[in-house]
N, C-alpha and C. Protein backbone atom coordinates (compact mmCIF):
# COMPACT_ATOMS: atom_id res chain seq x y z
N MET A 1 0.82 -1.19 0.00
CA MET A 1 0.00 0.00 0.00
C MET A 1 0.87 1.25 0.00
N ASN A 2 1.98 1.22 0.74
CA ASN A 2 2.85 2.38 0.80
C ASN A 2 3.51 2.65 -0.54
N ALA A 3 3.87 1.60 -1.26
CA ALA A 3 4.48 1.76 -2.58
C ALA A 3 3.49 2.38 -3.55
N PHE A 4 2.23 2.00 -3.47
CA PHE A 4 1.21 2.56 -4.35
C PHE A 4 1.02 4.05 -4.07
N ILE A 5 0.99 4.43 -2.81
CA ILE A 5 0.85 5.84 -2.46
C ILE A 5 2.06 6.63 -2.94
N PHE A 6 3.25 6.07 -2.77
CA PHE A 6 4.47 6.73 -3.20
C PHE A 6 4.48 6.95 -4.72
N VAL A 7 4.11 5.92 -5.48
CA VAL A 7 4.08 6.03 -6.94
C VAL A 7 2.99 7.01 -7.37
N SER A 8 1.85 7.01 -6.68
CA SER A 8 0.78 7.95 -7.01
C SER A 8 1.21 9.39 -6.79
N VAL A 9 1.93 9.65 -5.72
CA VAL A 9 2.44 11.00 -5.47
C VAL A 9 3.44 11.40 -6.54
N LEU A 10 4.30 10.48 -6.95
CA LEU A 10 5.25 10.77 -8.02
C LEU A 10 4.53 11.07 -9.33
N ILE A 11 3.45 10.37 -9.61
CA ILE A 11 2.67 10.62 -10.82
C ILE A 11 2.06 12.02 -10.77
N LEU A 12 1.52 12.40 -9.61
CA LEU A 12 0.94 13.74 -9.48
C LEU A 12 1.99 14.82 -9.65
N ILE A 13 3.17 14.62 -9.09
CA ILE A 13 4.25 15.60 -9.23
C ILE A 13 4.66 15.71 -10.69
N ALA A 14 4.79 14.58 -11.38
CA ALA A 14 5.17 14.60 -12.80
C ALA A 14 4.10 15.31 -13.63
N CYS A 15 2.84 15.10 -13.30
CA CYS A 15 1.75 15.77 -14.04
C CYS A 15 1.80 17.28 -13.85
N VAL A 16 1.98 17.72 -12.61
CA VAL A 16 2.03 19.16 -12.34
C VAL A 16 3.24 19.79 -13.03
N LEU A 17 4.40 19.12 -12.96
CA LEU A 17 5.59 19.64 -13.64
C LEU A 17 5.38 19.70 -15.16
N MET A 18 4.73 18.70 -15.72
CA MET A 18 4.50 18.70 -17.16
C MET A 18 3.56 19.85 -17.55
N ILE A 19 2.54 20.09 -16.75
CA ILE A 19 1.64 21.21 -17.02
C ILE A 19 2.40 22.53 -17.00
N LEU A 20 3.24 22.70 -16.00
CA LEU A 20 3.99 23.95 -15.89
C LEU A 20 4.97 24.12 -17.06
N VAL A 21 5.66 23.06 -17.43
CA VAL A 21 6.63 23.16 -18.53
C VAL A 21 5.93 23.43 -19.85
N VAL A 22 4.79 22.80 -20.08
CA VAL A 22 4.06 23.04 -21.33
C VAL A 22 3.52 24.45 -21.36
N LEU A 23 3.07 24.97 -20.23
CA LEU A 23 2.57 26.35 -20.21
C LEU A 23 3.69 27.36 -20.43
N VAL A 24 4.90 27.05 -20.01
CA VAL A 24 6.02 27.95 -20.20
C VAL A 24 6.40 28.02 -21.68
N GLN A 25 6.24 26.92 -22.39
CA GLN A 25 6.61 26.88 -23.80
C GLN A 25 5.60 27.64 -24.64
N ASN A 26 6.07 28.10 -25.78
CA ASN A 26 5.20 28.71 -26.77
C ASN A 26 5.63 28.17 -28.11
N SER A 27 4.70 27.72 -28.90
CA SER A 27 5.05 27.05 -30.16
C SER A 27 5.67 28.00 -31.17
N LYS A 28 5.51 29.31 -30.99
CA LYS A 28 6.06 30.27 -31.95
C LYS A 28 7.35 30.90 -31.44
N GLY A 29 8.01 30.26 -30.52
CA GLY A 29 9.29 30.77 -30.06
C GLY A 29 9.19 31.75 -28.91
N GLY A 30 8.02 31.96 -28.37
CA GLY A 30 7.86 32.88 -27.25
C GLY A 30 8.00 32.14 -25.95
N GLY A 31 7.23 32.52 -24.98
CA GLY A 31 7.27 31.87 -23.67
C GLY A 31 8.52 32.24 -22.91
N LEU A 32 9.03 31.31 -22.16
CA LEU A 32 10.22 31.54 -21.35
C LEU A 32 11.44 31.80 -22.22
N ALA A 33 11.51 31.18 -23.37
CA ALA A 33 12.66 31.33 -24.25
C ALA A 33 12.80 32.76 -24.76
N SER A 34 11.71 33.51 -24.88
CA SER A 34 11.79 34.87 -25.39
C SER A 34 12.44 35.81 -24.38
N ASN A 35 12.47 35.44 -23.11
CA ASN A 35 13.10 36.29 -22.10
C ASN A 35 14.62 36.26 -22.19
N PHE A 36 15.16 35.25 -22.83
CA PHE A 36 16.61 35.10 -22.95
C PHE A 36 17.08 35.48 -24.35
N SER A 37 16.61 36.59 -24.87
CA SER A 37 16.93 36.94 -26.25
C SER A 37 18.27 37.65 -26.39
N SER A 38 18.92 37.96 -25.31
CA SER A 38 20.21 38.62 -25.40
C SER A 38 21.24 37.67 -26.00
N SER A 39 22.07 38.17 -26.89
CA SER A 39 23.00 37.29 -27.59
C SER A 39 24.19 36.90 -26.72
N ASN A 40 24.43 37.59 -25.63
CA ASN A 40 25.59 37.25 -24.80
C ASN A 40 25.24 36.34 -23.64
N GLN A 41 24.05 35.77 -23.63
CA GLN A 41 23.66 34.83 -22.60
C GLN A 41 24.35 33.49 -22.85
N TYR A 42 24.64 32.78 -21.77
CA TYR A 42 25.25 31.45 -21.93
C TYR A 42 24.28 30.50 -22.61
N MET A 43 23.03 30.50 -22.12
CA MET A 43 22.00 29.68 -22.75
C MET A 43 21.15 30.61 -23.59
N GLY A 44 21.25 30.51 -24.88
CA GLY A 44 20.50 31.38 -25.77
C GLY A 44 19.07 30.90 -25.91
N VAL A 45 18.36 31.53 -26.83
CA VAL A 45 16.95 31.20 -27.04
C VAL A 45 16.79 29.76 -27.50
N ARG A 46 17.61 29.34 -28.41
CA ARG A 46 17.48 28.00 -28.96
C ARG A 46 17.80 26.94 -27.92
N LYS A 47 18.82 27.19 -27.10
CA LYS A 47 19.19 26.19 -26.09
C LYS A 47 18.10 26.08 -25.02
N THR A 48 17.46 27.19 -24.68
CA THR A 48 16.37 27.14 -23.70
C THR A 48 15.19 26.36 -24.27
N ALA A 49 14.85 26.61 -25.53
CA ALA A 49 13.75 25.88 -26.15
C ALA A 49 14.07 24.39 -26.25
N ASP A 50 15.33 24.07 -26.58
CA ASP A 50 15.73 22.66 -26.64
C ASP A 50 15.63 22.00 -25.27
N PHE A 51 16.07 22.72 -24.23
CA PHE A 51 16.00 22.19 -22.87
C PHE A 51 14.55 21.93 -22.47
N LEU A 52 13.66 22.88 -22.76
CA LEU A 52 12.25 22.71 -22.38
C LEU A 52 11.62 21.55 -23.15
N GLU A 53 11.99 21.39 -24.41
CA GLU A 53 11.45 20.28 -25.19
C GLU A 53 11.95 18.94 -24.65
N LYS A 54 13.23 18.86 -24.35
CA LYS A 54 13.78 17.61 -23.81
C LYS A 54 13.21 17.31 -22.43
N PHE A 55 13.01 18.35 -21.63
CA PHE A 55 12.42 18.17 -20.30
C PHE A 55 10.98 17.68 -20.41
N THR A 56 10.23 18.21 -21.38
CA THR A 56 8.85 17.76 -21.61
C THR A 56 8.81 16.29 -22.01
N TRP A 57 9.70 15.90 -22.92
CA TRP A 57 9.75 14.49 -23.33
C TRP A 57 10.18 13.60 -22.17
N GLY A 58 11.12 14.08 -21.37
CA GLY A 58 11.55 13.30 -20.20
C GLY A 58 10.42 13.10 -19.20
N LEU A 59 9.64 14.17 -18.98
CA LEU A 59 8.49 14.04 -18.07
C LEU A 59 7.43 13.10 -18.64
N ALA A 60 7.23 13.15 -19.95
CA ALA A 60 6.25 12.25 -20.57
C ALA A 60 6.67 10.79 -20.42
N VAL A 61 7.94 10.52 -20.63
CA VAL A 61 8.43 9.14 -20.47
C VAL A 61 8.35 8.72 -19.00
N ALA A 62 8.72 9.64 -18.09
CA ALA A 62 8.64 9.33 -16.66
C ALA A 62 7.19 9.04 -16.25
N LEU A 63 6.26 9.80 -16.78
CA LEU A 63 4.85 9.58 -16.46
C LEU A 63 4.38 8.22 -16.98
N LEU A 64 4.79 7.87 -18.17
CA LEU A 64 4.44 6.56 -18.72
C LEU A 64 5.02 5.43 -17.87
N VAL A 65 6.28 5.55 -17.51
CA VAL A 65 6.92 4.50 -16.70
C VAL A 65 6.27 4.40 -15.32
N LEU A 66 5.95 5.55 -14.71
CA LEU A 66 5.31 5.53 -13.39
C LEU A 66 3.92 4.90 -13.46
N CYS A 67 3.20 5.16 -14.54
CA CYS A 67 1.88 4.54 -14.69
C CYS A 67 1.99 3.03 -14.85
N LEU A 68 3.01 2.58 -15.58
CA LEU A 68 3.22 1.13 -15.71
C LEU A 68 3.63 0.52 -14.38
N ILE A 69 4.45 1.23 -13.62
CA ILE A 69 4.86 0.73 -12.30
C ILE A 69 3.67 0.68 -11.35
N SER A 70 2.77 1.66 -11.48
CA SER A 70 1.62 1.69 -10.57
C SER A 70 0.72 0.47 -10.75
N THR A 71 0.68 -0.08 -11.97
CA THR A 71 -0.14 -1.28 -12.16
C THR A 71 0.44 -2.48 -11.44
N VAL A 72 1.74 -2.46 -11.21
CA VAL A 72 2.39 -3.57 -10.50
C VAL A 72 2.16 -3.46 -8.99
N VAL A 73 2.16 -2.22 -8.47
CA VAL A 73 2.10 -2.05 -7.02
C VAL A 73 0.70 -1.76 -6.50
N ILE A 74 -0.33 -1.89 -7.35
CA ILE A 74 -1.70 -1.69 -6.87
C ILE A 74 -2.01 -2.75 -5.82
N PRO A 75 -2.54 -2.32 -4.67
CA PRO A 75 -2.87 -3.33 -3.65
C PRO A 75 -4.03 -4.20 -4.12
N ARG A 76 -3.86 -5.46 -4.01
CA ARG A 76 -4.88 -6.42 -4.43
C ARG A 76 -5.85 -6.65 -3.28
N GLY A 77 -7.09 -6.92 -3.63
CA GLY A 77 -8.12 -7.13 -2.63
C GLY A 77 -8.13 -8.54 -2.09
N THR A 78 -7.18 -8.88 -1.26
CA THR A 78 -7.16 -10.20 -0.66
C THR A 78 -7.97 -10.15 0.62
N SER A 79 -9.07 -10.88 0.63
CA SER A 79 -9.92 -10.87 1.82
C SER A 79 -9.46 -11.96 2.78
N LYS A 80 -9.33 -11.59 4.02
CA LYS A 80 -8.94 -12.54 5.05
C LYS A 80 -10.19 -13.04 5.77
N GLU A 81 -10.11 -14.19 6.35
CA GLU A 81 -11.23 -14.75 7.09
C GLU A 81 -11.53 -13.86 8.28
N GLY A 82 -12.80 -13.50 8.43
CA GLY A 82 -13.19 -12.65 9.55
C GLY A 82 -13.14 -11.17 9.21
N SER A 83 -12.93 -10.82 7.96
CA SER A 83 -12.90 -9.41 7.59
C SER A 83 -14.32 -8.86 7.57
N ALA A 84 -14.44 -7.56 7.46
CA ALA A 84 -15.75 -6.92 7.51
C ALA A 84 -16.62 -7.36 6.33
N ASP A 85 -16.00 -7.54 5.16
CA ASP A 85 -16.77 -7.96 3.99
C ASP A 85 -17.36 -9.35 4.20
N THR A 86 -16.58 -10.26 4.72
CA THR A 86 -17.06 -11.62 4.95
C THR A 86 -18.15 -11.63 6.01
N GLU A 87 -17.99 -10.87 7.06
CA GLU A 87 -19.01 -10.80 8.11
C GLU A 87 -20.31 -10.24 7.56
N LEU A 88 -20.21 -9.24 6.69
CA LEU A 88 -21.40 -8.64 6.11
C LEU A 88 -22.12 -9.65 5.22
N ARG A 89 -21.36 -10.40 4.43
CA ARG A 89 -21.98 -11.41 3.57
C ARG A 89 -22.66 -12.51 4.40
N GLN A 90 -22.02 -12.92 5.48
CA GLN A 90 -22.62 -13.95 6.33
C GLN A 90 -23.89 -13.43 6.99
N ASN A 91 -23.89 -12.19 7.42
CA ASN A 91 -25.06 -11.59 8.05
C ASN A 91 -26.22 -11.50 7.06
N ILE A 92 -25.93 -11.14 5.83
CA ILE A 92 -26.98 -11.07 4.81
C ILE A 92 -27.54 -12.45 4.52
N ASP A 93 -26.67 -13.44 4.42
CA ASP A 93 -27.13 -14.81 4.14
C ASP A 93 -27.99 -15.36 5.27
N GLN A 94 -27.66 -15.05 6.51
CA GLN A 94 -28.40 -15.57 7.65
C GLN A 94 -29.76 -14.88 7.81
N ASN A 95 -29.83 -13.60 7.52
CA ASN A 95 -31.05 -12.84 7.78
C ASN A 95 -31.96 -12.72 6.57
N SER A 96 -31.53 -13.20 5.44
CA SER A 96 -32.38 -13.08 4.25
C SER A 96 -33.46 -14.16 4.29
N GLN A 97 -34.68 -13.73 4.01
CA GLN A 97 -35.80 -14.65 3.99
C GLN A 97 -36.46 -14.55 2.62
N PRO A 98 -36.93 -15.66 2.10
CA PRO A 98 -37.59 -15.59 0.79
C PRO A 98 -38.90 -14.82 0.87
N VAL A 99 -39.21 -14.12 -0.18
CA VAL A 99 -40.44 -13.34 -0.24
C VAL A 99 -41.59 -14.30 -0.52
N GLN A 100 -42.63 -14.19 0.29
CA GLN A 100 -43.79 -15.06 0.14
C GLN A 100 -44.87 -14.37 -0.70
N ASP A 101 -45.43 -15.09 -1.62
CA ASP A 101 -46.60 -14.64 -2.39
C ASP A 101 -46.35 -13.29 -3.05
N PHE A 102 -45.27 -13.18 -3.80
CA PHE A 102 -44.93 -11.88 -4.39
C PHE A 102 -45.65 -11.64 -5.71
N GLN A 103 -46.35 -12.64 -6.26
CA GLN A 103 -46.98 -12.45 -7.55
C GLN A 103 -48.43 -11.94 -7.44
N ASN A 104 -49.03 -12.05 -6.31
CA ASN A 104 -50.39 -11.54 -6.15
C ASN A 104 -50.38 -10.04 -5.89
N ALA A 105 -51.29 -9.33 -6.54
CA ALA A 105 -51.37 -7.89 -6.33
C ALA A 105 -51.98 -7.61 -4.96
N PRO A 106 -51.60 -6.50 -4.35
CA PRO A 106 -52.19 -6.17 -3.04
C PRO A 106 -53.69 -5.90 -3.19
N LYS A 107 -54.41 -6.25 -2.16
CA LYS A 107 -55.86 -6.07 -2.17
C LYS A 107 -56.17 -4.62 -1.87
N GLU A 108 -57.14 -4.09 -2.65
CA GLU A 108 -57.54 -2.70 -2.45
C GLU A 108 -58.65 -2.65 -1.42
N GLU A 109 -58.58 -1.73 -0.52
CA GLU A 109 -59.62 -1.55 0.48
C GLU A 109 -60.57 -0.46 0.04
N LYS A 110 -61.89 -0.69 0.21
CA LYS A 110 -62.88 0.31 -0.19
C LYS A 110 -63.53 0.95 0.98
């Protein structure tokens, strides 16, 4: 159960990061990359756009891998003897009574 919660939190973090990175990008060269338009910057416009694209692909792959891992660590519903589900089923079986004369319509009183 703890592994499933841990993987679920990692999936949520990857989703939020992917949303933020995609919102920062602009398909026409704007976004965060347009702020670094000075030619004397170490990371120019093209390098920033390349970094954001590679980071987006990395997050997409990480999200895919985490989703595949989550299918492995999903807690399975193994019912143990004496669990609440079993007790409820036994109680229903013991207290259920067949319905008598259910095909006759109720009598109308005048």
